[in-house]
Protein backbone atom coordinates (compact mmCIF):
# COMPACT_ATOMS: atom_id res chain seq x y z
CA UNK A 1 -10.12 11.21 -10.93
CA UNK A 2 -7.55 13.95 -11.28
CA UNK A 3 -7.72 15.92 -14.50
CA UNK A 4 -3.96 15.79 -14.90
CA UNK A 5 -2.37 12.85 -16.70
CA UNK A 6 1.04 11.70 -15.52
CA UNK A 7 3.26 9.94 -18.06
CA UNK A 8 5.95 7.36 -17.39
CA UNK A 9 7.82 5.60 -20.21
CA UNK A 10 8.48 1.87 -19.86
CA UNK A 11 10.88 -0.04 -22.09
CA UNK A 12 9.72 -3.62 -22.62
CA UNK A 13 12.63 -6.02 -22.21
CA UNK A 14 12.79 -9.63 -23.30
CA UNK A 15 12.76 -10.72 -19.64
CA UNK A 16 9.31 -9.09 -19.31
CA UNK A 17 7.78 -11.37 -21.90
CA UNK A 18 6.59 -14.94 -22.24
CA UNK A 19 7.74 -17.38 -24.91
CA UNK A 20 5.77 -15.52 -27.59
CA UNK A 21 7.37 -12.11 -26.94
CA UNK A 22 4.27 -10.66 -25.27
CA UNK A 23 4.48 -9.11 -21.79
CA UNK A 24 3.66 -11.61 -19.05
CA UNK A 25 0.52 -10.18 -17.39
CA UNK A 26 1.80 -9.75 -13.77
CA UNK A 27 4.51 -7.40 -15.04
CA UNK A 28 1.92 -4.71 -15.65
CA UNK A 29 1.52 -4.40 -11.88
CA UNK A 30 5.25 -3.58 -11.67
CA UNK A 31 4.93 -0.95 -14.39
CA UNK A 32 1.97 0.62 -12.59
CA UNK A 33 3.90 0.64 -9.30
CA UNK A 34 6.84 2.44 -10.91
CA UNK A 35 4.55 5.03 -12.46
CA UNK A 36 2.80 5.72 -9.12
CA UNK A 37 6.18 6.08 -7.45
CA UNK A 38 7.11 8.76 -9.99
CA UNK A 39 3.93 10.69 -9.17
CA UNK A 40 4.58 10.68 -5.42
CA UNK A 41 8.45 10.51 -5.46
CA UNK A 42 10.43 7.62 -4.03
CA UNK A 43 12.32 9.92 -1.65
CA UNK A 44 9.04 11.10 -0.11
CA UNK A 45 7.88 7.49 0.30
CA UNK A 46 11.21 6.44 1.81
CA UNK A 47 11.19 9.33 4.28
CA UNK A 48 7.59 8.60 5.27
CA UNK A 49 8.46 4.96 5.98
CA UNK A 50 11.69 5.64 7.85
CA UNK A 51 10.47 8.60 9.92
CA UNK A 52 6.81 7.77 10.54
CA UNK A 53 6.54 4.06 9.82
CA UNK A 54 3.82 4.72 7.24
CA UNK A 55 3.56 3.05 3.83
CA UNK A 56 1.08 1.96 1.22
CA UNK A 57 -0.26 -1.38 0.09
CA UNK A 58 -2.44 -2.48 -2.77
CA UNK A 59 -5.91 -3.19 -1.40
CA UNK A 60 -7.58 -4.03 -4.68
CA UNK A 61 -6.49 -4.34 -8.31
CA UNK A 62 -8.70 -4.73 -11.35
CA UNK A 63 -7.06 -5.07 -14.74
CA UNK A 64 -8.47 -5.22 -18.24
CA UNK A 65 -6.24 -6.59 -21.02
CA UNK A 66 -7.24 -5.26 -24.44
CA UNK A 67 -4.07 -5.78 -26.48
CA UNK A 68 -0.73 -7.57 -26.20
CA UNK A 69 2.34 -5.50 -25.44
CA UNK A 70 5.47 -6.79 -27.12
CA UNK A 71 9.21 -7.03 -26.63
CA UNK A 72 11.21 -3.88 -27.54
CA UNK A 73 8.24 -1.49 -27.40
CA UNK A 74 8.42 1.67 -25.32
CA UNK A 75 5.03 2.19 -23.74
CA UNK A 76 3.51 5.19 -22.01
CA UNK A 77 2.00 4.50 -18.60
CA UNK A 78 -0.70 7.13 -18.11
CA UNK A 79 -1.79 7.72 -14.54
CA UNK A 80 -4.69 9.53 -12.90
CA UNK A 81 -5.58 9.34 -9.22
CA UNK A 82 -7.97 10.53 -6.55
CA UNK A 83 -8.04 10.53 -2.79
CA UNK A 84 -11.02 8.49 -1.70
CA UNK A 85 -11.78 8.84 1.97
CA UNK A 86 -9.49 8.95 4.97
CA UNK A 87 -7.35 5.88 4.21
CA UNK A 88 -7.41 5.23 0.47
CA UNK A 89 -6.20 6.47 -2.89
CA UNK A 90 -7.57 5.17 -6.19
CA UNK A 91 -5.40 5.07 -9.29
CA UNK A 92 -6.50 4.64 -12.93
CA UNK A 93 -3.48 3.55 -14.93
CA UNK A 94 -3.26 2.71 -18.61
CA UNK A 95 -0.56 1.18 -20.76
CA UNK A 96 -0.40 2.79 -24.20
CA UNK A 97 1.57 1.18 -27.00
CA UNK A 98 3.22 3.45 -29.58
CA UNK A 99 0.64 4.94 -32.00
CA UNK A 100 -2.26 3.15 -30.28
CA UNK A 101 -5.85 4.37 -30.43
CA UNK A 102 -6.81 2.75 -27.12
CA UNK A 103 -4.91 1.51 -24.07
CA UNK A 104 -3.51 -2.01 -24.20
CA UNK A 105 -4.08 -2.50 -20.47
CA UNK A 106 -6.24 -0.62 -17.99
CA UNK A 107 -5.65 -0.95 -14.27
CA UNK A 108 -7.76 0.36 -11.42
CA UNK A 109 -5.62 0.13 -8.30
CA UNK A 110 -6.81 0.96 -4.78
CA UNK A 111 -4.08 1.73 -2.25
CA UNK A 112 -4.46 1.96 1.53
CA UNK A 113 -2.16 3.54 4.07
CA UNK A 114 -0.68 1.20 6.70
CA UNK A 115 1.78 1.41 9.57
CA UNK A 116 4.65 -1.03 10.22
CA UNK A 117 2.23 -3.31 12.10
CA UNK A 118 0.03 -3.45 8.99
CA UNK A 119 -2.69 -1.45 10.72
CA UNK A 120 -4.81 0.93 8.68
CA UNK A 121 -3.75 4.56 9.13
CA UNK A 122 -5.17 7.85 7.83
CA UNK A 123 -3.36 9.27 4.83
CA UNK A 124 -0.60 11.55 6.13
CA UNK A 125 -1.20 15.25 5.61
CA UNK A 126 2.10 15.49 3.71
CA UNK A 127 0.82 12.97 1.14
CA UNK A 128 -2.58 14.64 0.87
CA UNK A 129 -0.91 18.02 0.31
CA UNK A 130 1.54 16.55 -2.21
CA UNK A 131 -1.18 14.80 -4.20
CA UNK A 132 -3.37 17.89 -4.17
CA UNK A 133 -0.44 19.90 -5.61
CA UNK A 134 0.64 17.52 -8.37
């Protein structure tokens, strides 16, 4: 994994929670997606899709839930990544509650590069260069 930690703040809204005020578990995938997009940059992803027909899809997701995240908290999504092979990136993402001593949620997300026909494609050089710089 990369040595650098990327941080992305997420405000927990009431709509994110279940009846008890705790974040509904699928919403963590949305938070992780937003944090990854901030690492790569949405404009870069948009340009890649529109000009080359290349995008990314979740291939595998493994999540560990260690603590409930509650309404009105502002959490820190901490992200690390690595390029793993010709087609795949692997992301370790953690949700940290304010003043926590361990992450509330840990996600290991594997992403693959696909074209518009959903065919596996090698990671574009522009993405490899960008990720190696960040």
